[in-house]
């Protein structure tokens, strides 16, 4: 178990992201979400992953006095020119839930054959300290968009994304396997040495 003083804020209200990052850093630190700090508000997101992640992390670190991790991620589809990208969480409009966004993306690819559905998940994570120091790291997971959703695990676009080297969707993988190969898992792995230094 990590020492009690090793507490990190993940600047998100997304329960799926919080669950993943907690699992990835369980041996190193205690990760708490913004539900533990209901008065903290995050800035509106723009269309740049790195800027979004940095702003989230810096806002949370300043407001809580604790080291904070900000994450911004999205799915990029080659046939759509890299869309929806940083707008992934808002793709199709604010009225859609995750299933609706998946359906909206599949509709946009309705005439695109399976051989031309290359895509990647991309993630930038930022580590911010209350003193103002900031570091950013990135990770990606390449694959393709499936014809229909499958699997009940994961969240977001996981049910329609099939990682390279697998014949199932991201939402059908065991949690540990997904965390190992996912864009967020790889970004957190890149960040981990810096976090270890900061917590030493």
N, C-alpha and C. Protein backbone atom coordinates (compact mmCIF):
# COMPACT_ATOMS: atom_id res chain seq x y z
N UNK A 1 0.84 -1.20 0.00
CA UNK A 1 0.00 0.00 0.00
C UNK A 1 0.88 1.25 0.00
N UNK A 2 0.47 2.31 -0.75
CA UNK A 2 1.26 3.53 -0.76
C UNK A 2 1.15 4.26 0.59
N UNK A 3 2.19 5.03 0.96
CA UNK A 3 2.10 5.82 2.19
C UNK A 3 0.93 6.79 2.12
N UNK A 4 0.29 7.12 3.26
CA UNK A 4 -0.87 8.01 3.26
C UNK A 4 -0.59 9.38 2.65
N UNK A 5 0.67 9.85 2.76
CA UNK A 5 0.97 11.20 2.27
C UNK A 5 0.98 11.25 0.74
N UNK A 6 1.08 10.12 0.09
CA UNK A 6 1.16 10.10 -1.37
C UNK A 6 -0.24 10.17 -1.98
N UNK A 7 -0.82 11.34 -1.91
CA UNK A 7 -2.17 11.55 -2.41
C UNK A 7 -2.12 12.44 -3.65
N UNK A 8 -2.75 11.98 -4.70
CA UNK A 8 -2.76 12.68 -5.98
C UNK A 8 -4.21 12.92 -6.39
N UNK A 9 -4.47 14.09 -6.95
CA UNK A 9 -5.81 14.40 -7.46
C UNK A 9 -5.85 14.12 -8.96
N UNK A 10 -6.83 13.36 -9.41
CA UNK A 10 -7.07 13.22 -10.83
C UNK A 10 -8.17 14.20 -11.20
N UNK A 11 -7.84 15.13 -12.07
CA UNK A 11 -8.75 16.23 -12.39
C UNK A 11 -9.82 15.78 -13.37
N UNK A 12 -10.73 14.97 -12.87
CA UNK A 12 -11.82 14.47 -13.70
C UNK A 12 -13.02 14.11 -12.85
N UNK A 13 -14.18 14.17 -13.46
CA UNK A 13 -15.39 13.65 -12.85
C UNK A 13 -15.83 12.36 -13.52
N UNK A 14 -14.99 11.85 -14.43
CA UNK A 14 -15.29 10.64 -15.20
C UNK A 14 -14.91 9.42 -14.37
N UNK A 15 -15.90 8.65 -13.96
CA UNK A 15 -15.65 7.50 -13.09
C UNK A 15 -14.79 6.44 -13.77
N UNK A 16 -14.94 6.28 -15.09
CA UNK A 16 -14.15 5.29 -15.81
C UNK A 16 -12.67 5.65 -15.81
N UNK A 17 -12.36 6.92 -16.06
CA UNK A 17 -10.96 7.37 -16.03
C UNK A 17 -10.38 7.19 -14.63
N UNK A 18 -11.16 7.56 -13.62
CA UNK A 18 -10.68 7.45 -12.24
C UNK A 18 -10.37 5.99 -11.90
N UNK A 19 -11.23 5.09 -12.30
CA UNK A 19 -11.02 3.67 -12.02
C UNK A 19 -9.73 3.17 -12.69
N UNK A 20 -9.51 3.57 -13.94
CA UNK A 20 -8.32 3.13 -14.66
C UNK A 20 -7.04 3.66 -14.02
N UNK A 21 -7.01 4.96 -13.73
CA UNK A 21 -5.79 5.56 -13.18
C UNK A 21 -5.51 5.04 -11.78
N UNK A 22 -6.55 4.81 -11.01
CA UNK A 22 -6.35 4.20 -9.68
C UNK A 22 -5.68 2.84 -9.80
N UNK A 23 -6.14 2.04 -10.75
CA UNK A 23 -5.56 0.71 -10.94
C UNK A 23 -4.11 0.80 -11.39
N UNK A 24 -3.81 1.76 -12.26
CA UNK A 24 -2.47 1.90 -12.80
C UNK A 24 -1.46 2.39 -11.77
N UNK A 25 -1.93 3.16 -10.78
CA UNK A 25 -1.03 3.77 -9.79
C UNK A 25 -1.26 3.25 -8.38
N UNK A 26 -1.98 2.15 -8.24
CA UNK A 26 -2.39 1.66 -6.93
C UNK A 26 -1.22 1.38 -6.00
N UNK A 27 -0.10 0.93 -6.55
CA UNK A 27 1.05 0.60 -5.72
C UNK A 27 1.89 1.82 -5.34
N UNK A 28 1.58 2.96 -5.95
CA UNK A 28 2.43 4.15 -5.79
C UNK A 28 1.78 5.26 -4.98
N UNK A 29 0.50 5.48 -5.19
CA UNK A 29 -0.15 6.61 -4.52
C UNK A 29 -1.65 6.39 -4.44
N UNK A 30 -2.28 7.19 -3.62
CA UNK A 30 -3.75 7.21 -3.53
C UNK A 30 -4.26 8.23 -4.52
N UNK A 31 -5.11 7.81 -5.42
CA UNK A 31 -5.66 8.70 -6.43
C UNK A 31 -7.10 9.04 -6.07
N UNK A 32 -7.38 10.33 -5.92
CA UNK A 32 -8.73 10.77 -5.61
C UNK A 32 -9.26 11.62 -6.76
N UNK A 33 -10.55 11.53 -6.99
CA UNK A 33 -11.17 12.30 -8.06
C UNK A 33 -11.75 13.60 -7.55
N UNK A 34 -12.33 14.36 -8.44
CA UNK A 34 -12.89 15.65 -8.06
C UNK A 34 -14.15 15.51 -7.21
N UNK A 35 -14.69 14.29 -7.12
CA UNK A 35 -15.83 14.11 -6.22
C UNK A 35 -15.43 14.36 -4.76
N UNK A 36 -14.13 14.25 -4.47
CA UNK A 36 -13.64 14.54 -3.12
C UNK A 36 -13.47 16.04 -2.89
N UNK A 37 -13.56 16.83 -3.96
CA UNK A 37 -13.38 18.28 -3.88
C UNK A 37 -14.50 18.95 -4.68
N UNK A 38 -15.71 18.92 -4.15
CA UNK A 38 -16.86 19.39 -4.93
C UNK A 38 -16.82 20.87 -5.30
N UNK A 39 -15.99 21.66 -4.62
CA UNK A 39 -15.92 23.09 -4.93
C UNK A 39 -14.95 23.40 -6.07
N UNK A 40 -14.20 22.42 -6.52
CA UNK A 40 -13.22 22.65 -7.58
C UNK A 40 -13.92 22.59 -8.94
N UNK A 41 -13.71 23.60 -9.75
CA UNK A 41 -14.25 23.63 -11.10
C UNK A 41 -13.10 23.65 -12.10
N UNK A 42 -13.30 23.00 -13.22
CA UNK A 42 -12.27 22.93 -14.25
C UNK A 42 -12.61 23.88 -15.40
N UNK A 43 -11.59 24.37 -16.10
CA UNK A 43 -11.85 25.26 -17.24
C UNK A 43 -12.53 24.51 -18.37
N UNK A 44 -13.22 25.26 -19.23
CA UNK A 44 -13.84 24.66 -20.41
C UNK A 44 -12.75 24.08 -21.31
N UNK A 45 -13.06 22.97 -21.96
CA UNK A 45 -12.09 22.33 -22.83
C UNK A 45 -12.08 22.97 -24.21
N UNK A 46 -10.88 23.04 -24.78
CA UNK A 46 -10.73 23.52 -26.14
C UNK A 46 -10.47 22.38 -27.09
N UNK A 47 -9.70 22.66 -28.15
CA UNK A 47 -9.47 21.63 -29.17
C UNK A 47 -8.01 21.20 -29.24
N UNK A 48 -7.28 21.33 -28.11
CA UNK A 48 -5.89 20.90 -28.04
C UNK A 48 -5.69 19.99 -26.83
N UNK A 49 -5.29 18.76 -27.08
CA UNK A 49 -5.15 17.78 -25.99
C UNK A 49 -4.23 18.28 -24.88
N UNK A 50 -3.04 18.73 -25.28
CA UNK A 50 -2.02 19.10 -24.28
C UNK A 50 -2.48 20.28 -23.44
N UNK A 51 -3.06 21.26 -24.09
CA UNK A 51 -3.55 22.44 -23.37
C UNK A 51 -4.68 22.06 -22.41
N UNK A 52 -5.58 21.22 -22.87
CA UNK A 52 -6.69 20.79 -22.01
C UNK A 52 -6.19 20.05 -20.78
N UNK A 53 -5.27 19.09 -20.99
CA UNK A 53 -4.74 18.32 -19.87
C UNK A 53 -4.00 19.22 -18.89
N UNK A 54 -3.20 20.13 -19.40
CA UNK A 54 -2.42 21.03 -18.54
C UNK A 54 -3.33 21.95 -17.73
N UNK A 55 -4.33 22.49 -18.36
CA UNK A 55 -5.24 23.40 -17.65
C UNK A 55 -6.00 22.67 -16.54
N UNK A 56 -6.43 21.46 -16.82
CA UNK A 56 -7.12 20.67 -15.79
C UNK A 56 -6.20 20.41 -14.61
N UNK A 57 -4.98 19.94 -14.89
CA UNK A 57 -4.05 19.61 -13.82
C UNK A 57 -3.68 20.83 -13.00
N UNK A 58 -3.37 21.94 -13.66
CA UNK A 58 -2.98 23.15 -12.95
C UNK A 58 -4.11 23.69 -12.09
N UNK A 59 -5.32 23.67 -12.62
CA UNK A 59 -6.48 24.16 -11.85
C UNK A 59 -6.69 23.32 -10.60
N UNK A 60 -6.60 22.00 -10.74
CA UNK A 60 -6.82 21.11 -9.60
C UNK A 60 -5.70 21.25 -8.57
N UNK A 61 -4.45 21.38 -9.03
CA UNK A 61 -3.33 21.51 -8.10
C UNK A 61 -3.43 22.81 -7.30
N UNK A 62 -3.77 23.90 -7.97
CA UNK A 62 -3.91 25.18 -7.27
C UNK A 62 -5.05 25.14 -6.26
N UNK A 63 -6.15 24.54 -6.65
CA UNK A 63 -7.35 24.55 -5.79
C UNK A 63 -7.24 23.62 -4.59
N UNK A 64 -6.50 22.53 -4.74
CA UNK A 64 -6.44 21.52 -3.66
C UNK A 64 -5.14 21.55 -2.87
N UNK A 65 -4.09 22.16 -3.43
CA UNK A 65 -2.80 22.14 -2.77
C UNK A 65 -2.09 20.80 -2.86
N UNK A 66 -2.57 19.93 -3.73
CA UNK A 66 -2.00 18.59 -3.92
C UNK A 66 -1.49 18.45 -5.36
N UNK A 67 -0.52 17.56 -5.59
CA UNK A 67 -0.16 17.24 -6.97
C UNK A 67 -1.40 16.76 -7.72
N UNK A 68 -1.49 17.11 -8.98
CA UNK A 68 -2.69 16.75 -9.74
C UNK A 68 -2.32 16.24 -11.12
N UNK A 69 -3.11 15.31 -11.60
CA UNK A 69 -2.96 14.77 -12.95
C UNK A 69 -4.18 15.19 -13.76
N UNK A 70 -3.92 15.78 -14.91
CA UNK A 70 -4.98 16.10 -15.86
C UNK A 70 -4.84 15.20 -17.07
N UNK A 71 -5.95 14.80 -17.63
CA UNK A 71 -5.95 13.88 -18.77
C UNK A 71 -6.85 14.46 -19.85
N UNK A 72 -6.38 14.40 -21.09
CA UNK A 72 -7.28 14.67 -22.20
C UNK A 72 -7.00 13.62 -23.27
N UNK A 73 -8.04 13.06 -23.78
CA UNK A 73 -7.88 11.96 -24.72
C UNK A 73 -9.01 11.97 -25.73
N UNK A 74 -8.81 11.22 -26.79
CA UNK A 74 -9.83 11.14 -27.81
C UNK A 74 -9.55 10.02 -28.78
N UNK A 75 -10.49 9.81 -29.67
CA UNK A 75 -10.34 8.81 -30.72
C UNK A 75 -10.22 9.55 -32.04
N UNK A 76 -9.27 9.12 -32.86
CA UNK A 76 -9.00 9.77 -34.15
C UNK A 76 -9.17 8.74 -35.26
N UNK A 77 -10.03 9.03 -36.20
CA UNK A 77 -10.36 8.10 -37.28
C UNK A 77 -9.79 8.64 -38.59
N UNK A 78 -8.94 7.86 -39.24
CA UNK A 78 -8.27 8.34 -40.45
C UNK A 78 -9.27 8.73 -41.54
N UNK A 79 -10.31 7.94 -41.71
CA UNK A 79 -11.29 8.22 -42.78
C UNK A 79 -12.06 9.52 -42.52
N UNK A 80 -12.03 10.01 -41.29
CA UNK A 80 -12.70 11.26 -40.95
C UNK A 80 -11.70 12.39 -40.75
N UNK A 81 -10.49 12.20 -41.30
CA UNK A 81 -9.48 13.25 -41.20
C UNK A 81 -8.97 13.47 -39.79
N UNK A 82 -9.05 12.44 -38.95
CA UNK A 82 -8.58 12.56 -37.57
C UNK A 82 -9.67 12.93 -36.58
N UNK A 83 -10.88 13.18 -37.06
CA UNK A 83 -12.00 13.47 -36.17
C UNK A 83 -12.45 12.18 -35.47
N UNK A 84 -13.13 12.30 -34.34
CA UNK A 84 -13.47 13.53 -33.61
C UNK A 84 -12.33 14.12 -32.78
N UNK A 85 -11.24 13.40 -32.53
CA UNK A 85 -10.08 13.96 -31.86
C UNK A 85 -10.39 14.55 -30.49
N UNK A 86 -9.87 15.76 -30.20
CA UNK A 86 -10.09 16.36 -28.89
C UNK A 86 -11.56 16.65 -28.57
N UNK A 87 -12.40 16.59 -29.59
CA UNK A 87 -13.83 16.83 -29.40
C UNK A 87 -14.60 15.53 -29.14
N UNK A 88 -13.89 14.44 -28.91
CA UNK A 88 -14.53 13.12 -28.80
C UNK A 88 -15.63 13.08 -27.75
N UNK A 89 -15.41 13.71 -26.60
CA UNK A 89 -16.41 13.66 -25.52
C UNK A 89 -17.64 14.49 -25.85
N UNK A 90 -17.54 15.33 -26.87
CA UNK A 90 -18.68 16.19 -27.26
C UNK A 90 -19.16 15.88 -28.67
N UNK A 91 -18.65 14.80 -29.25
CA UNK A 91 -18.97 14.46 -30.63
C UNK A 91 -20.47 14.20 -30.80
N UNK A 92 -21.06 14.85 -31.78
CA UNK A 92 -22.48 14.67 -32.05
C UNK A 92 -23.39 15.58 -31.26
N UNK A 93 -22.82 16.37 -30.36
CA UNK A 93 -23.63 17.32 -29.59
C UNK A 93 -23.81 16.91 -28.14
N UNK A 94 -24.17 17.88 -27.29
CA UNK A 94 -24.24 17.65 -25.85
C UNK A 94 -25.35 16.71 -25.40
N UNK A 95 -26.32 16.44 -26.27
CA UNK A 95 -27.44 15.58 -25.87
C UNK A 95 -27.10 14.09 -25.92
N UNK A 96 -25.98 13.73 -26.54
CA UNK A 96 -25.66 12.32 -26.71
C UNK A 96 -24.89 11.76 -25.51
N UNK A 97 -25.21 10.53 -25.12
CA UNK A 97 -24.41 9.81 -24.14
C UNK A 97 -23.36 8.99 -24.90
N UNK A 98 -22.61 8.15 -24.18
CA UNK A 98 -21.55 7.37 -24.83
C UNK A 98 -22.09 6.49 -25.94
N UNK A 99 -23.20 5.82 -25.69
CA UNK A 99 -23.78 4.96 -26.73
C UNK A 99 -24.21 5.78 -27.94
N UNK A 100 -24.74 6.96 -27.69
CA UNK A 100 -25.15 7.84 -28.78
C UNK A 100 -23.97 8.32 -29.60
N UNK A 101 -22.86 8.64 -28.93
CA UNK A 101 -21.66 9.06 -29.66
C UNK A 101 -21.09 7.91 -30.48
N UNK A 102 -21.13 6.71 -29.94
CA UNK A 102 -20.68 5.55 -30.72
C UNK A 102 -21.54 5.38 -31.97
N UNK A 103 -22.84 5.49 -31.79
CA UNK A 103 -23.76 5.34 -32.92
C UNK A 103 -23.53 6.44 -33.96
N UNK A 104 -23.27 7.64 -33.48
CA UNK A 104 -23.02 8.78 -34.38
C UNK A 104 -21.75 8.53 -35.20
N UNK A 105 -20.71 8.00 -34.55
CA UNK A 105 -19.47 7.71 -35.26
C UNK A 105 -19.66 6.58 -36.27
N UNK A 106 -20.37 5.55 -35.88
CA UNK A 106 -20.61 4.44 -36.81
C UNK A 106 -21.43 4.91 -38.02
N UNK A 107 -22.38 5.82 -37.79
CA UNK A 107 -23.17 6.34 -38.90
C UNK A 107 -22.28 7.13 -39.87
N UNK A 108 -21.32 7.87 -39.33
CA UNK A 108 -20.40 8.64 -40.17
C UNK A 108 -19.51 7.74 -41.02
N UNK A 109 -19.33 6.49 -40.56
CA UNK A 109 -18.48 5.53 -41.28
C UNK A 109 -19.29 4.48 -42.03
N UNK A 110 -20.57 4.71 -42.18
CA UNK A 110 -21.46 3.69 -42.75
C UNK A 110 -21.00 3.20 -44.12
N UNK A 111 -20.42 4.09 -44.94
CA UNK A 111 -20.01 3.71 -46.28
C UNK A 111 -18.52 3.42 -46.39
N UNK A 112 -17.84 3.36 -45.24
CA UNK A 112 -16.39 3.13 -45.24
C UNK A 112 -16.12 1.65 -44.99
N UNK A 113 -15.42 0.96 -45.90
CA UNK A 113 -15.18 -0.48 -45.71
C UNK A 113 -14.25 -0.75 -44.52
N UNK A 114 -14.29 -1.97 -44.03
CA UNK A 114 -13.52 -2.36 -42.85
C UNK A 114 -12.03 -2.11 -43.03
N UNK A 115 -11.54 -2.26 -44.27
CA UNK A 115 -10.10 -2.09 -44.53
C UNK A 115 -9.65 -0.64 -44.43
N UNK A 116 -10.61 0.28 -44.38
CA UNK A 116 -10.27 1.71 -44.35
C UNK A 116 -10.74 2.38 -43.05
N UNK A 117 -10.87 1.58 -42.00
CA UNK A 117 -11.38 2.12 -40.73
C UNK A 117 -10.28 2.26 -39.66
N UNK A 118 -9.06 2.51 -40.11
CA UNK A 118 -7.96 2.69 -39.16
C UNK A 118 -8.24 3.85 -38.21
N UNK A 119 -7.85 3.65 -36.95
CA UNK A 119 -8.10 4.68 -35.94
C UNK A 119 -7.07 4.53 -34.83
N UNK A 120 -7.01 5.53 -33.98
CA UNK A 120 -6.18 5.41 -32.78
C UNK A 120 -6.84 6.15 -31.63
N UNK A 121 -6.63 5.62 -30.44
CA UNK A 121 -6.90 6.36 -29.22
C UNK A 121 -5.63 7.12 -28.87
N UNK A 122 -5.76 8.39 -28.48
CA UNK A 122 -4.60 9.21 -28.13
C UNK A 122 -4.88 9.90 -26.80
N UNK A 123 -3.85 10.01 -25.98
CA UNK A 123 -4.02 10.59 -24.65
C UNK A 123 -2.80 11.44 -24.29
N UNK A 124 -3.06 12.59 -23.69
CA UNK A 124 -2.02 13.40 -23.05
C UNK A 124 -2.37 13.50 -21.58
N UNK A 125 -1.39 13.21 -20.72
CA UNK A 125 -1.58 13.43 -19.28
C UNK A 125 -0.59 14.49 -18.83
N UNK A 126 -1.03 15.32 -17.90
CA UNK A 126 -0.20 16.38 -17.35
C UNK A 126 -0.10 16.19 -15.84
N UNK A 127 1.09 16.35 -15.31
CA UNK A 127 1.33 16.33 -13.87
C UNK A 127 1.66 17.74 -13.43
N UNK A 128 0.83 18.31 -12.58
CA UNK A 128 1.04 19.67 -12.08
C UNK A 128 1.22 19.65 -10.57
N UNK A 129 2.14 20.47 -10.10
CA UNK A 129 2.37 20.64 -8.66
C UNK A 129 1.79 21.97 -8.21
N UNK A 130 1.42 22.08 -6.94
CA UNK A 130 0.89 23.36 -6.44
C UNK A 130 1.86 24.52 -6.62
N UNK A 131 3.15 24.22 -6.74
CA UNK A 131 4.17 25.25 -6.95
C UNK A 131 4.18 25.80 -8.38
N UNK A 132 3.43 25.16 -9.28
CA UNK A 132 3.36 25.63 -10.65
C UNK A 132 4.13 24.80 -11.64
N UNK A 133 4.92 23.85 -11.16
CA UNK A 133 5.67 22.98 -12.08
C UNK A 133 4.70 22.09 -12.87
N UNK A 134 5.07 21.83 -14.11
CA UNK A 134 4.18 21.08 -15.00
C UNK A 134 4.99 20.21 -15.94
N UNK A 135 4.56 18.96 -16.11
CA UNK A 135 5.15 18.04 -17.08
C UNK A 135 4.01 17.34 -17.82
N UNK A 136 4.21 17.05 -19.11
CA UNK A 136 3.19 16.35 -19.89
C UNK A 136 3.79 15.12 -20.58
N UNK A 137 2.94 14.12 -20.77
CA UNK A 137 3.33 12.87 -21.39
C UNK A 137 2.20 12.40 -22.28
N UNK A 138 2.51 11.53 -23.24
CA UNK A 138 1.48 11.08 -24.17
C UNK A 138 1.53 9.57 -24.36
N UNK A 139 0.43 9.03 -24.87
CA UNK A 139 0.35 7.62 -25.19
C UNK A 139 -0.69 7.41 -26.29
N UNK A 140 -0.53 6.34 -27.04
CA UNK A 140 -1.50 6.03 -28.09
C UNK A 140 -1.73 4.54 -28.17
N UNK A 141 -2.87 4.18 -28.73
CA UNK A 141 -3.20 2.79 -29.01
C UNK A 141 -3.85 2.75 -30.38
N UNK A 142 -3.22 2.04 -31.32
CA UNK A 142 -3.73 1.99 -32.69
C UNK A 142 -4.64 0.78 -32.90
N UNK A 143 -5.56 0.93 -33.83
CA UNK A 143 -6.48 -0.15 -34.14
C UNK A 143 -7.42 0.27 -35.24
N UNK A 144 -8.67 -0.18 -35.13
CA UNK A 144 -9.66 0.17 -36.14
C UNK A 144 -11.04 0.24 -35.52
N UNK A 145 -11.97 0.85 -36.25
CA UNK A 145 -13.36 0.94 -35.79
C UNK A 145 -14.13 -0.27 -36.29
N UNK A 146 -14.80 -0.95 -35.39
CA UNK A 146 -15.58 -2.13 -35.73
C UNK A 146 -16.90 -1.74 -36.38
N UNK A 147 -17.61 -2.71 -36.92
CA UNK A 147 -18.88 -2.46 -37.59
C UNK A 147 -20.00 -2.18 -36.61
N UNK A 148 -19.88 -2.72 -35.38
CA UNK A 148 -20.93 -2.57 -34.38
C UNK A 148 -20.30 -2.67 -32.99
N UNK A 149 -20.95 -2.10 -31.99
CA UNK A 149 -20.42 -2.19 -30.62
C UNK A 149 -20.46 -3.62 -30.10
N UNK A 150 -19.48 -3.94 -29.25
CA UNK A 150 -19.50 -5.24 -28.57
C UNK A 150 -18.71 -5.12 -27.27
N UNK A 151 -19.18 -5.84 -26.26
CA UNK A 151 -18.49 -5.82 -24.98
C UNK A 151 -19.12 -4.86 -23.99
N UNK A 152 -19.08 -5.23 -22.72
CA UNK A 152 -19.71 -4.41 -21.70
C UNK A 152 -18.75 -3.75 -20.73
N UNK A 153 -17.45 -3.97 -20.92
CA UNK A 153 -16.47 -3.35 -20.03
C UNK A 153 -16.02 -2.02 -20.62
N UNK A 154 -15.10 -1.34 -19.91
CA UNK A 154 -14.58 -0.08 -20.42
C UNK A 154 -15.63 1.01 -20.44
N UNK A 155 -15.40 2.03 -21.22
CA UNK A 155 -16.33 3.16 -21.32
C UNK A 155 -16.02 3.93 -22.60
N UNK A 156 -16.79 4.94 -22.88
CA UNK A 156 -16.55 5.76 -24.06
C UNK A 156 -16.66 4.97 -25.35
N UNK A 157 -15.64 5.09 -26.18
CA UNK A 157 -15.63 4.44 -27.49
C UNK A 157 -15.07 3.02 -27.45
N UNK A 158 -14.78 2.50 -26.27
CA UNK A 158 -14.20 1.16 -26.17
C UNK A 158 -14.99 0.08 -26.92
N UNK A 159 -16.34 0.10 -26.91
CA UNK A 159 -17.08 -0.98 -27.57
C UNK A 159 -16.93 -1.03 -29.08
N UNK A 160 -16.50 0.07 -29.72
CA UNK A 160 -16.38 0.05 -31.18
C UNK A 160 -14.93 0.11 -31.66
N UNK A 161 -13.98 0.07 -30.72
CA UNK A 161 -12.57 0.15 -31.08
C UNK A 161 -11.90 -1.21 -30.89
N UNK A 162 -11.25 -1.69 -31.94
CA UNK A 162 -10.54 -2.97 -31.88
C UNK A 162 -9.04 -2.70 -31.96
N UNK A 163 -8.28 -2.96 -30.88
CA UNK A 163 -6.84 -2.69 -30.89
C UNK A 163 -6.10 -3.60 -31.87
N UNK A 164 -4.99 -3.10 -32.39
CA UNK A 164 -4.14 -3.92 -33.26
C UNK A 164 -3.71 -5.19 -32.54
N UNK A 165 -3.77 -6.31 -33.25
CA UNK A 165 -3.33 -7.58 -32.69
C UNK A 165 -4.42 -8.33 -31.94
N UNK A 166 -5.63 -7.78 -31.91
CA UNK A 166 -6.74 -8.42 -31.21
C UNK A 166 -7.92 -8.57 -32.15
N UNK A 167 -8.77 -9.55 -31.87
CA UNK A 167 -9.97 -9.72 -32.67
C UNK A 167 -11.23 -9.40 -31.88
N UNK A 168 -11.08 -8.68 -30.77
CA UNK A 168 -12.20 -8.26 -29.95
C UNK A 168 -12.07 -6.75 -29.71
N UNK A 169 -13.15 -6.17 -29.22
CA UNK A 169 -13.12 -4.73 -28.94
C UNK A 169 -12.39 -4.45 -27.63
N UNK A 170 -12.05 -3.19 -27.43
CA UNK A 170 -11.41 -2.79 -26.18
C UNK A 170 -12.32 -3.09 -24.99
N UNK A 171 -13.63 -3.03 -25.21
CA UNK A 171 -14.59 -3.29 -24.14
C UNK A 171 -14.75 -4.77 -23.81
N UNK A 172 -14.09 -5.64 -24.57
CA UNK A 172 -14.14 -7.07 -24.30
C UNK A 172 -12.85 -7.59 -23.67
N UNK A 173 -11.88 -6.72 -23.48
CA UNK A 173 -10.61 -7.14 -22.89
C UNK A 173 -10.69 -7.14 -21.37
N UNK A 174 -9.95 -8.03 -20.70
CA UNK A 174 -9.84 -7.95 -19.24
C UNK A 174 -9.24 -6.60 -18.84
N UNK A 175 -9.62 -6.11 -17.69
CA UNK A 175 -9.20 -4.78 -17.26
C UNK A 175 -7.67 -4.63 -17.28
N UNK A 176 -6.96 -5.61 -16.76
CA UNK A 176 -5.50 -5.51 -16.69
C UNK A 176 -4.89 -5.44 -18.09
N UNK A 177 -5.45 -6.20 -19.03
CA UNK A 177 -4.94 -6.18 -20.41
C UNK A 177 -5.22 -4.83 -21.06
N UNK A 178 -6.42 -4.32 -20.87
CA UNK A 178 -6.75 -3.01 -21.43
C UNK A 178 -5.83 -1.94 -20.88
N UNK A 179 -5.62 -1.94 -19.56
CA UNK A 179 -4.78 -0.91 -18.95
C UNK A 179 -3.34 -0.99 -19.43
N UNK A 180 -2.89 -2.19 -19.78
CA UNK A 180 -1.52 -2.35 -20.26
C UNK A 180 -1.32 -1.72 -21.63
N UNK A 181 -2.30 -1.88 -22.52
CA UNK A 181 -2.09 -1.45 -23.90
C UNK A 181 -2.83 -0.17 -24.28
N UNK A 182 -3.68 0.33 -23.41
CA UNK A 182 -4.48 1.49 -23.78
C UNK A 182 -3.64 2.76 -23.88
N UNK A 183 -4.18 3.74 -24.57
CA UNK A 183 -3.53 5.05 -24.70
C UNK A 183 -3.30 5.69 -23.33
N UNK A 184 -4.28 5.56 -22.44
CA UNK A 184 -4.13 6.14 -21.10
C UNK A 184 -3.11 5.37 -20.28
N UNK A 185 -3.14 4.05 -20.40
CA UNK A 185 -2.17 3.23 -19.70
C UNK A 185 -0.74 3.56 -20.12
N UNK A 186 -0.54 3.77 -21.41
CA UNK A 186 0.79 4.10 -21.90
C UNK A 186 1.22 5.50 -21.49
N UNK A 187 0.29 6.44 -21.47
CA UNK A 187 0.62 7.79 -21.04
C UNK A 187 0.98 7.82 -19.55
N UNK A 188 0.22 7.07 -18.75
CA UNK A 188 0.51 7.01 -17.31
C UNK A 188 1.84 6.30 -17.07
N UNK A 189 2.15 5.28 -17.88
CA UNK A 189 3.44 4.60 -17.75
C UNK A 189 4.59 5.56 -18.04
N UNK A 190 4.39 6.45 -19.02
CA UNK A 190 5.42 7.44 -19.34
C UNK A 190 5.56 8.47 -18.23
N UNK A 191 4.46 8.82 -17.59
CA UNK A 191 4.46 9.79 -16.49
C UNK A 191 5.03 9.22 -15.20
N UNK A 192 4.91 7.92 -15.02
CA UNK A 192 5.20 7.29 -13.74
C UNK A 192 6.58 7.62 -13.15
N UNK A 193 7.68 7.59 -13.93
CA UNK A 193 8.98 7.94 -13.33
C UNK A 193 9.00 9.35 -12.73
N UNK A 194 8.35 10.31 -13.40
CA UNK A 194 8.29 11.68 -12.86
C UNK A 194 7.50 11.71 -11.56
N UNK A 195 6.43 10.94 -11.51
CA UNK A 195 5.62 10.89 -10.30
C UNK A 195 6.39 10.25 -9.17
N UNK A 196 7.13 9.20 -9.48
CA UNK A 196 7.96 8.54 -8.46
C UNK A 196 8.99 9.52 -7.89
N UNK A 197 9.60 10.33 -8.75
CA UNK A 197 10.57 11.33 -8.28
C UNK A 197 9.90 12.35 -7.37
N UNK A 198 8.73 12.81 -7.77
CA UNK A 198 8.04 13.84 -7.00
C UNK A 198 7.60 13.33 -5.63
N UNK A 199 7.29 12.05 -5.57
CA UNK A 199 6.78 11.49 -4.31
C UNK A 199 7.90 10.92 -3.41
N UNK A 200 9.12 10.90 -3.96
CA UNK A 200 10.23 10.32 -3.18
C UNK A 200 10.52 11.13 -1.92
